[in-house]
Amino acid sequence: MSAPLIAIDAPVLVDLLSDGPHADAAEACLRQCLSAGPVVICEVALAAVCGALRDGTEALAVLEEMSIRYSPLEAKSALRAGEMQRRYRQRGGGVEVARVIPDFLIGAHALLQCDGLISRDDRFFRNYFKGLKLIVPTV
């Protein structure tokens, strides 16, 4: 049996890299996950981290130093994200469509290409990605 491949959501990394109020919980959770197997980031989360904190070269260097690998989104994950986003709209889900597109892509990547997701946004991911193992950093 291979080690679980765990994806990480951008806000958890932003917490950690900005030394925000959730930094200690994010660090402890990341360390625990890394001890069990690889932790990866998809391009959507990587873009969010870069946009929030650092330039691209520095962001990649920090992620490499933290042993977080890059895992590109596959077509099947992008298609699932679109399907789930359409369901969200059909259910009358908020007007913040631009905000949730990245969340759907991150969720689909974690569900279809990984074995779990480190995120503080567990309510959203539980509602739209049934069966996705969520790892929530706790204080």
N, C-alpha and C. Protein backbone atom coordinates (compact mmCIF):
# COMPACT_ATOMS: atom_id res chain seq x y z
N MET A 1 0.84 -1.19 0.00
CA MET A 1 0.00 0.00 0.00
C MET A 1 0.89 1.25 0.00
N SER A 2 0.61 2.17 -0.90
CA SER A 2 1.43 3.38 -0.99
C SER A 2 0.95 4.43 0.01
N ALA A 3 1.82 5.36 0.29
CA ALA A 3 1.50 6.45 1.22
C ALA A 3 0.41 7.32 0.62
N PRO A 4 -0.47 7.87 1.46
CA PRO A 4 -1.53 8.74 0.95
C PRO A 4 -0.96 10.03 0.37
N LEU A 5 -1.56 10.47 -0.71
CA LEU A 5 -1.21 11.73 -1.36
C LEU A 5 -2.23 12.77 -0.89
N ILE A 6 -1.78 13.78 -0.20
CA ILE A 6 -2.67 14.77 0.39
C ILE A 6 -2.47 16.12 -0.29
N ALA A 7 -3.58 16.73 -0.70
CA ALA A 7 -3.55 18.07 -1.29
C ALA A 7 -3.68 19.10 -0.16
N ILE A 8 -3.22 20.30 -0.43
CA ILE A 8 -3.33 21.38 0.56
C ILE A 8 -4.01 22.58 -0.08
N ASP A 9 -4.93 23.17 0.66
CA ASP A 9 -5.69 24.33 0.21
C ASP A 9 -4.87 25.60 0.45
N ALA A 10 -5.00 26.57 -0.42
CA ALA A 10 -4.20 27.80 -0.34
C ALA A 10 -4.32 28.54 1.00
N PRO A 11 -5.52 28.70 1.56
CA PRO A 11 -5.59 29.46 2.82
C PRO A 11 -4.76 28.85 3.95
N VAL A 12 -4.59 27.54 3.96
CA VAL A 12 -3.77 26.91 5.00
C VAL A 12 -2.31 27.33 4.81
N LEU A 13 -1.84 27.35 3.57
CA LEU A 13 -0.47 27.79 3.32
C LEU A 13 -0.29 29.27 3.59
N VAL A 14 -1.30 30.06 3.25
CA VAL A 14 -1.22 31.49 3.53
C VAL A 14 -1.13 31.71 5.04
N ASP A 15 -1.93 30.95 5.80
CA ASP A 15 -1.84 31.03 7.26
C ASP A 15 -0.42 30.77 7.73
N LEU A 16 0.15 29.71 7.21
CA LEU A 16 1.48 29.28 7.63
C LEU A 16 2.56 30.28 7.21
N LEU A 17 2.54 30.70 5.97
CA LEU A 17 3.59 31.57 5.45
C LEU A 17 3.48 33.01 5.94
N SER A 18 2.28 33.43 6.30
CA SER A 18 2.12 34.81 6.78
C SER A 18 2.20 34.89 8.30
N ASP A 19 2.39 33.74 8.93
CA ASP A 19 2.43 33.66 10.39
C ASP A 19 1.17 34.26 11.00
N GLY A 20 0.03 33.95 10.38
CA GLY A 20 -1.27 34.44 10.84
C GLY A 20 -1.74 33.71 12.09
N PRO A 21 -2.97 33.99 12.51
CA PRO A 21 -3.49 33.42 13.75
C PRO A 21 -3.63 31.89 13.73
N HIS A 22 -3.70 31.32 12.55
CA HIS A 22 -3.85 29.86 12.43
C HIS A 22 -2.52 29.18 12.05
N ALA A 23 -1.42 29.91 12.11
CA ALA A 23 -0.13 29.40 11.64
C ALA A 23 0.32 28.16 12.40
N ASP A 24 0.19 28.16 13.71
CA ASP A 24 0.66 27.00 14.49
C ASP A 24 -0.14 25.75 14.15
N ALA A 25 -1.46 25.89 14.02
CA ALA A 25 -2.30 24.75 13.67
C ALA A 25 -1.96 24.26 12.26
N ALA A 26 -1.74 25.19 11.34
CA ALA A 26 -1.40 24.83 9.96
C ALA A 26 -0.07 24.09 9.92
N GLU A 27 0.91 24.57 10.67
CA GLU A 27 2.22 23.93 10.69
C GLU A 27 2.15 22.52 11.27
N ALA A 28 1.44 22.37 12.38
CA ALA A 28 1.32 21.05 13.01
C ALA A 28 0.61 20.07 12.08
N CYS A 29 -0.43 20.51 11.43
CA CYS A 29 -1.18 19.66 10.51
C CYS A 29 -0.31 19.27 9.32
N LEU A 30 0.39 20.22 8.75
CA LEU A 30 1.27 19.94 7.61
C LEU A 30 2.35 18.95 7.99
N ARG A 31 2.98 19.14 9.14
CA ARG A 31 4.02 18.21 9.59
C ARG A 31 3.47 16.79 9.74
N GLN A 32 2.28 16.68 10.32
CA GLN A 32 1.67 15.37 10.52
C GLN A 32 1.40 14.70 9.17
N CYS A 33 0.86 15.46 8.23
CA CYS A 33 0.56 14.90 6.91
C CYS A 33 1.83 14.51 6.17
N LEU A 34 2.85 15.35 6.24
CA LEU A 34 4.12 15.03 5.57
C LEU A 34 4.78 13.79 6.15
N SER A 35 4.55 13.54 7.43
CA SER A 35 5.13 12.33 8.03
C SER A 35 4.45 11.06 7.52
N ALA A 36 3.23 11.21 7.00
CA ALA A 36 2.49 10.05 6.49
C ALA A 36 2.69 9.85 4.99
N GLY A 37 3.08 10.90 4.27
CA GLY A 37 3.26 10.79 2.83
C GLY A 37 3.37 12.15 2.17
N PRO A 38 3.36 12.18 0.83
CA PRO A 38 3.53 13.44 0.11
C PRO A 38 2.34 14.38 0.27
N VAL A 39 2.65 15.67 0.30
CA VAL A 39 1.65 16.73 0.28
C VAL A 39 1.86 17.50 -1.01
N VAL A 40 0.75 17.77 -1.73
CA VAL A 40 0.84 18.41 -3.04
C VAL A 40 -0.04 19.64 -3.11
N ILE A 41 0.28 20.47 -4.09
CA ILE A 41 -0.51 21.68 -4.36
C ILE A 41 -0.79 21.72 -5.85
N CYS A 42 -2.03 22.04 -6.21
CA CYS A 42 -2.36 22.18 -7.64
C CYS A 42 -2.15 23.63 -8.06
N GLU A 43 -2.23 23.88 -9.36
CA GLU A 43 -1.93 25.20 -9.89
C GLU A 43 -2.87 26.28 -9.38
N VAL A 44 -4.11 25.93 -9.08
CA VAL A 44 -5.08 26.91 -8.59
C VAL A 44 -4.65 27.40 -7.20
N ALA A 45 -4.33 26.48 -6.31
CA ALA A 45 -3.88 26.85 -4.98
C ALA A 45 -2.52 27.56 -5.04
N LEU A 46 -1.65 27.10 -5.92
CA LEU A 46 -0.34 27.73 -6.08
C LEU A 46 -0.49 29.19 -6.51
N ALA A 47 -1.39 29.45 -7.45
CA ALA A 47 -1.63 30.83 -7.90
C ALA A 47 -2.16 31.69 -6.76
N ALA A 48 -3.04 31.12 -5.95
CA ALA A 48 -3.59 31.88 -4.82
C ALA A 48 -2.51 32.20 -3.79
N VAL A 49 -1.63 31.25 -3.53
CA VAL A 49 -0.54 31.49 -2.58
C VAL A 49 0.39 32.58 -3.12
N CYS A 50 0.74 32.47 -4.38
CA CYS A 50 1.62 33.46 -5.00
C CYS A 50 0.97 34.84 -4.98
N GLY A 51 -0.31 34.90 -5.31
CA GLY A 51 -1.03 36.18 -5.32
C GLY A 51 -1.15 36.80 -3.95
N ALA A 52 -1.25 35.97 -2.93
CA ALA A 52 -1.43 36.49 -1.58
C ALA A 52 -0.13 36.88 -0.89
N LEU A 53 0.96 36.19 -1.23
CA LEU A 53 2.15 36.36 -0.40
C LEU A 53 3.44 36.72 -1.11
N ARG A 54 3.73 36.03 -2.19
CA ARG A 54 5.09 36.10 -2.72
C ARG A 54 5.10 36.10 -4.25
N ASP A 55 6.27 36.41 -4.80
CA ASP A 55 6.41 36.25 -6.24
C ASP A 55 6.57 34.76 -6.53
N GLY A 56 6.41 34.38 -7.80
CA GLY A 56 6.39 32.97 -8.17
C GLY A 56 7.63 32.20 -7.80
N THR A 57 8.80 32.76 -8.06
CA THR A 57 10.04 32.05 -7.77
C THR A 57 10.18 31.80 -6.28
N GLU A 58 9.88 32.81 -5.48
CA GLU A 58 9.99 32.66 -4.03
C GLU A 58 8.95 31.67 -3.51
N ALA A 59 7.73 31.72 -4.05
CA ALA A 59 6.69 30.77 -3.62
C ALA A 59 7.12 29.34 -3.90
N LEU A 60 7.64 29.08 -5.10
CA LEU A 60 8.10 27.73 -5.43
C LEU A 60 9.24 27.27 -4.53
N ALA A 61 10.16 28.17 -4.24
CA ALA A 61 11.29 27.83 -3.38
C ALA A 61 10.82 27.48 -1.97
N VAL A 62 9.88 28.24 -1.46
CA VAL A 62 9.36 27.98 -0.10
C VAL A 62 8.63 26.65 -0.08
N LEU A 63 7.82 26.38 -1.10
CA LEU A 63 7.10 25.12 -1.14
C LEU A 63 8.06 23.94 -1.23
N GLU A 64 9.10 24.08 -2.03
CA GLU A 64 10.10 23.02 -2.15
C GLU A 64 10.78 22.79 -0.81
N GLU A 65 11.11 23.88 -0.13
CA GLU A 65 11.75 23.78 1.19
C GLU A 65 10.83 23.06 2.18
N MET A 66 9.53 23.25 2.03
CA MET A 66 8.55 22.61 2.92
C MET A 66 8.21 21.18 2.45
N SER A 67 8.80 20.74 1.36
CA SER A 67 8.55 19.41 0.76
C SER A 67 7.14 19.26 0.20
N ILE A 68 6.56 20.37 -0.24
CA ILE A 68 5.25 20.33 -0.89
C ILE A 68 5.49 20.26 -2.39
N ARG A 69 4.94 19.25 -3.01
CA ARG A 69 5.14 19.02 -4.45
C ARG A 69 4.01 19.65 -5.25
N TYR A 70 4.30 19.90 -6.51
CA TYR A 70 3.31 20.43 -7.45
C TYR A 70 2.60 19.25 -8.13
N SER A 71 1.28 19.31 -8.21
CA SER A 71 0.49 18.28 -8.86
C SER A 71 -0.52 18.95 -9.78
N PRO A 72 -0.29 18.93 -11.09
CA PRO A 72 -1.18 19.63 -12.01
C PRO A 72 -2.57 19.00 -12.06
N LEU A 73 -3.53 19.84 -12.31
CA LEU A 73 -4.92 19.44 -12.45
C LEU A 73 -5.10 18.64 -13.74
N GLU A 74 -5.70 17.48 -13.65
CA GLU A 74 -6.00 16.67 -14.83
C GLU A 74 -7.36 17.09 -15.40
N ALA A 75 -7.59 16.75 -16.67
CA ALA A 75 -8.84 17.12 -17.33
C ALA A 75 -10.05 16.60 -16.58
N LYS A 76 -9.98 15.36 -16.06
CA LYS A 76 -11.12 14.80 -15.36
C LYS A 76 -11.47 15.63 -14.12
N SER A 77 -10.48 16.20 -13.48
CA SER A 77 -10.74 17.03 -12.30
C SER A 77 -11.36 18.37 -12.70
N ALA A 78 -10.86 18.96 -13.78
CA ALA A 78 -11.44 20.22 -14.26
C ALA A 78 -12.90 20.03 -14.66
N LEU A 79 -13.18 18.91 -15.32
CA LEU A 79 -14.57 18.64 -15.72
C LEU A 79 -15.47 18.43 -14.50
N ARG A 80 -14.99 17.70 -13.51
CA ARG A 80 -15.78 17.50 -12.28
C ARG A 80 -16.03 18.83 -11.59
N ALA A 81 -15.02 19.68 -11.54
CA ALA A 81 -15.18 21.00 -10.91
C ALA A 81 -16.28 21.79 -11.60
N GLY A 82 -16.28 21.76 -12.92
CA GLY A 82 -17.33 22.46 -13.67
C GLY A 82 -18.71 21.91 -13.38
N GLU A 83 -18.81 20.58 -13.30
CA GLU A 83 -20.10 19.96 -12.99
C GLU A 83 -20.59 20.38 -11.60
N MET A 84 -19.68 20.37 -10.63
CA MET A 84 -20.07 20.72 -9.27
C MET A 84 -20.41 22.20 -9.15
N GLN A 85 -19.71 23.03 -9.88
CA GLN A 85 -20.00 24.47 -9.86
C GLN A 85 -21.37 24.73 -10.48
N ARG A 86 -21.71 23.98 -11.55
CA ARG A 86 -23.03 24.12 -12.17
C ARG A 86 -24.12 23.71 -11.18
N ARG A 87 -23.91 22.61 -10.45
CA ARG A 87 -24.89 22.18 -9.43
C ARG A 87 -25.05 23.26 -8.36
N TYR A 88 -23.95 23.85 -7.98
CA TYR A 88 -23.97 24.92 -6.98
C TYR A 88 -24.88 26.06 -7.45
N ARG A 89 -24.70 26.47 -8.70
CA ARG A 89 -25.54 27.55 -9.24
C ARG A 89 -26.99 27.14 -9.33
N GLN A 90 -27.25 25.88 -9.76
CA GLN A 90 -28.62 25.40 -9.87
C GLN A 90 -29.32 25.35 -8.52
N ARG A 91 -28.57 25.12 -7.48
CA ARG A 91 -29.13 25.10 -6.12
C ARG A 91 -29.34 26.50 -5.57
N GLY A 92 -28.96 27.50 -6.36
CA GLY A 92 -29.11 28.88 -5.90
C GLY A 92 -27.96 29.35 -5.04
N GLY A 93 -26.83 28.67 -5.17
CA GLY A 93 -25.64 29.03 -4.39
C GLY A 93 -25.20 30.44 -4.73
N GLY A 94 -24.83 31.18 -3.76
CA GLY A 94 -24.42 32.59 -3.78
C GLY A 94 -24.10 33.24 -5.10
N VAL A 95 -23.87 34.50 -5.04
CA VAL A 95 -23.53 35.29 -6.22
C VAL A 95 -22.02 35.39 -6.41
N GLU A 96 -21.26 34.83 -5.50
CA GLU A 96 -19.80 34.93 -5.56
C GLU A 96 -19.22 33.82 -6.43
N VAL A 97 -19.72 33.67 -7.65
CA VAL A 97 -19.29 32.59 -8.52
C VAL A 97 -17.79 32.64 -8.76
N ALA A 98 -17.25 33.82 -8.96
CA ALA A 98 -15.81 33.94 -9.22
C ALA A 98 -15.00 33.42 -8.04
N ARG A 99 -15.50 33.58 -6.83
CA ARG A 99 -14.78 33.12 -5.65
C ARG A 99 -14.76 31.61 -5.56
N VAL A 100 -15.83 30.95 -5.96
CA VAL A 100 -15.91 29.52 -5.73
C VAL A 100 -15.29 28.68 -6.84
N ILE A 101 -15.08 29.21 -8.02
CA ILE A 101 -14.46 28.42 -9.08
C ILE A 101 -13.14 27.81 -8.59
N PRO A 102 -12.23 28.56 -8.00
CA PRO A 102 -11.00 27.94 -7.50
C PRO A 102 -11.28 26.86 -6.46
N ASP A 103 -12.26 27.08 -5.61
CA ASP A 103 -12.58 26.07 -4.60
C ASP A 103 -13.05 24.77 -5.24
N PHE A 104 -13.86 24.86 -6.27
CA PHE A 104 -14.32 23.65 -6.96
C PHE A 104 -13.15 22.94 -7.64
N LEU A 105 -12.23 23.68 -8.23
CA LEU A 105 -11.06 23.06 -8.86
C LEU A 105 -10.18 22.37 -7.82
N ILE A 106 -9.95 23.02 -6.69
CA ILE A 106 -9.13 22.43 -5.63
C ILE A 106 -9.81 21.18 -5.07
N GLY A 107 -11.13 21.25 -4.86
CA GLY A 107 -11.86 20.10 -4.35
C GLY A 107 -11.85 18.91 -5.30
N ALA A 108 -12.05 19.17 -6.58
CA ALA A 108 -12.05 18.09 -7.57
C ALA A 108 -10.66 17.47 -7.69
N HIS A 109 -9.63 18.29 -7.67
CA HIS A 109 -8.25 17.79 -7.71
C HIS A 109 -8.00 16.85 -6.53
N ALA A 110 -8.40 17.28 -5.34
CA ALA A 110 -8.17 16.47 -4.14
C ALA A 110 -8.98 15.18 -4.18
N LEU A 111 -10.22 15.26 -4.65
CA LEU A 111 -11.09 14.09 -4.69
C LEU A 111 -10.62 13.05 -5.70
N LEU A 112 -10.27 13.51 -6.90
CA LEU A 112 -9.97 12.58 -7.99
C LEU A 112 -8.49 12.23 -8.14
N GLN A 113 -7.60 13.06 -7.64
CA GLN A 113 -6.18 12.82 -7.86
C GLN A 113 -5.40 12.57 -6.57
N CYS A 114 -6.03 12.81 -5.43
CA CYS A 114 -5.34 12.68 -4.15
C CYS A 114 -6.19 11.83 -3.20
N ASP A 115 -5.68 11.66 -2.00
CA ASP A 115 -6.36 10.86 -0.99
C ASP A 115 -6.97 11.72 0.12
N GLY A 116 -6.88 13.03 0.01
CA GLY A 116 -7.42 13.90 1.03
C GLY A 116 -7.03 15.34 0.77
N LEU A 117 -7.57 16.25 1.59
CA LEU A 117 -7.32 17.68 1.44
C LEU A 117 -7.17 18.32 2.82
N ILE A 118 -6.10 19.09 2.99
CA ILE A 118 -5.93 19.91 4.19
C ILE A 118 -6.62 21.23 3.92
N SER A 119 -7.65 21.55 4.69
CA SER A 119 -8.41 22.78 4.49
C SER A 119 -9.14 23.18 5.75
N ARG A 120 -9.32 24.48 5.93
CA ARG A 120 -10.16 24.97 7.01
C ARG A 120 -11.60 25.12 6.55
N ASP A 121 -11.84 25.06 5.25
CA ASP A 121 -13.17 25.26 4.66
C ASP A 121 -13.90 23.93 4.53
N ASP A 122 -13.93 23.16 5.61
CA ASP A 122 -14.48 21.80 5.54
C ASP A 122 -15.97 21.77 5.22
N ARG A 123 -16.72 22.77 5.65
CA ARG A 123 -18.17 22.78 5.37
C ARG A 123 -18.43 22.79 3.86
N PHE A 124 -17.77 23.67 3.14
CA PHE A 124 -17.95 23.75 1.70
C PHE A 124 -17.57 22.43 1.03
N PHE A 125 -16.40 21.91 1.35
CA PHE A 125 -15.93 20.70 0.68
C PHE A 125 -16.78 19.48 1.03
N ARG A 126 -17.29 19.41 2.26
CA ARG A 126 -18.18 18.30 2.62
C ARG A 126 -19.49 18.35 1.83
N ASN A 127 -19.99 19.55 1.59
CA ASN A 127 -21.25 19.72 0.85
C ASN A 127 -21.13 19.34 -0.62
N TYR A 128 -19.99 19.60 -1.23
CA TYR A 128 -19.88 19.43 -2.67
C TYR A 128 -18.97 18.28 -3.12
N PHE A 129 -18.20 17.72 -2.23
CA PHE A 129 -17.27 16.64 -2.61
C PHE A 129 -17.42 15.47 -1.65
N LYS A 130 -18.55 14.81 -1.75
CA LYS A 130 -18.85 13.66 -0.89
C LYS A 130 -17.74 12.62 -1.06
N GLY A 131 -17.28 12.10 0.04
CA GLY A 131 -16.24 11.08 0.01
C GLY A 131 -14.83 11.64 0.10
N LEU A 132 -14.67 12.95 -0.01
CA LEU A 132 -13.35 13.55 0.10
C LEU A 132 -12.93 13.56 1.57
N LYS A 133 -11.77 12.98 1.84
CA LYS A 133 -11.23 13.00 3.21
C LYS A 133 -10.70 14.40 3.48
N LEU A 134 -11.20 15.00 4.54
CA LEU A 134 -10.77 16.35 4.90
C LEU A 134 -9.94 16.31 6.17
N ILE A 135 -8.87 17.06 6.14
CA ILE A 135 -7.97 17.18 7.28
C ILE A 135 -7.99 18.65 7.67
N VAL A 136 -8.57 18.95 8.82
CA VAL A 136 -8.77 20.32 9.24
C VAL A 136 -7.77 20.67 10.34
N PRO A 137 -6.89 21.65 10.08
CA PRO A 137 -5.96 22.07 11.12
C PRO A 137 -6.74 22.61 12.32
N THR A 138 -6.41 22.10 13.50
CA THR A 138 -7.10 22.57 14.71
C THR A 138 -6.10 23.18 15.66
N VAL A 139 -6.58 24.15 16.39
CA VAL A 139 -5.74 24.90 17.33
C VAL A 139 -5.44 24.06 18.55
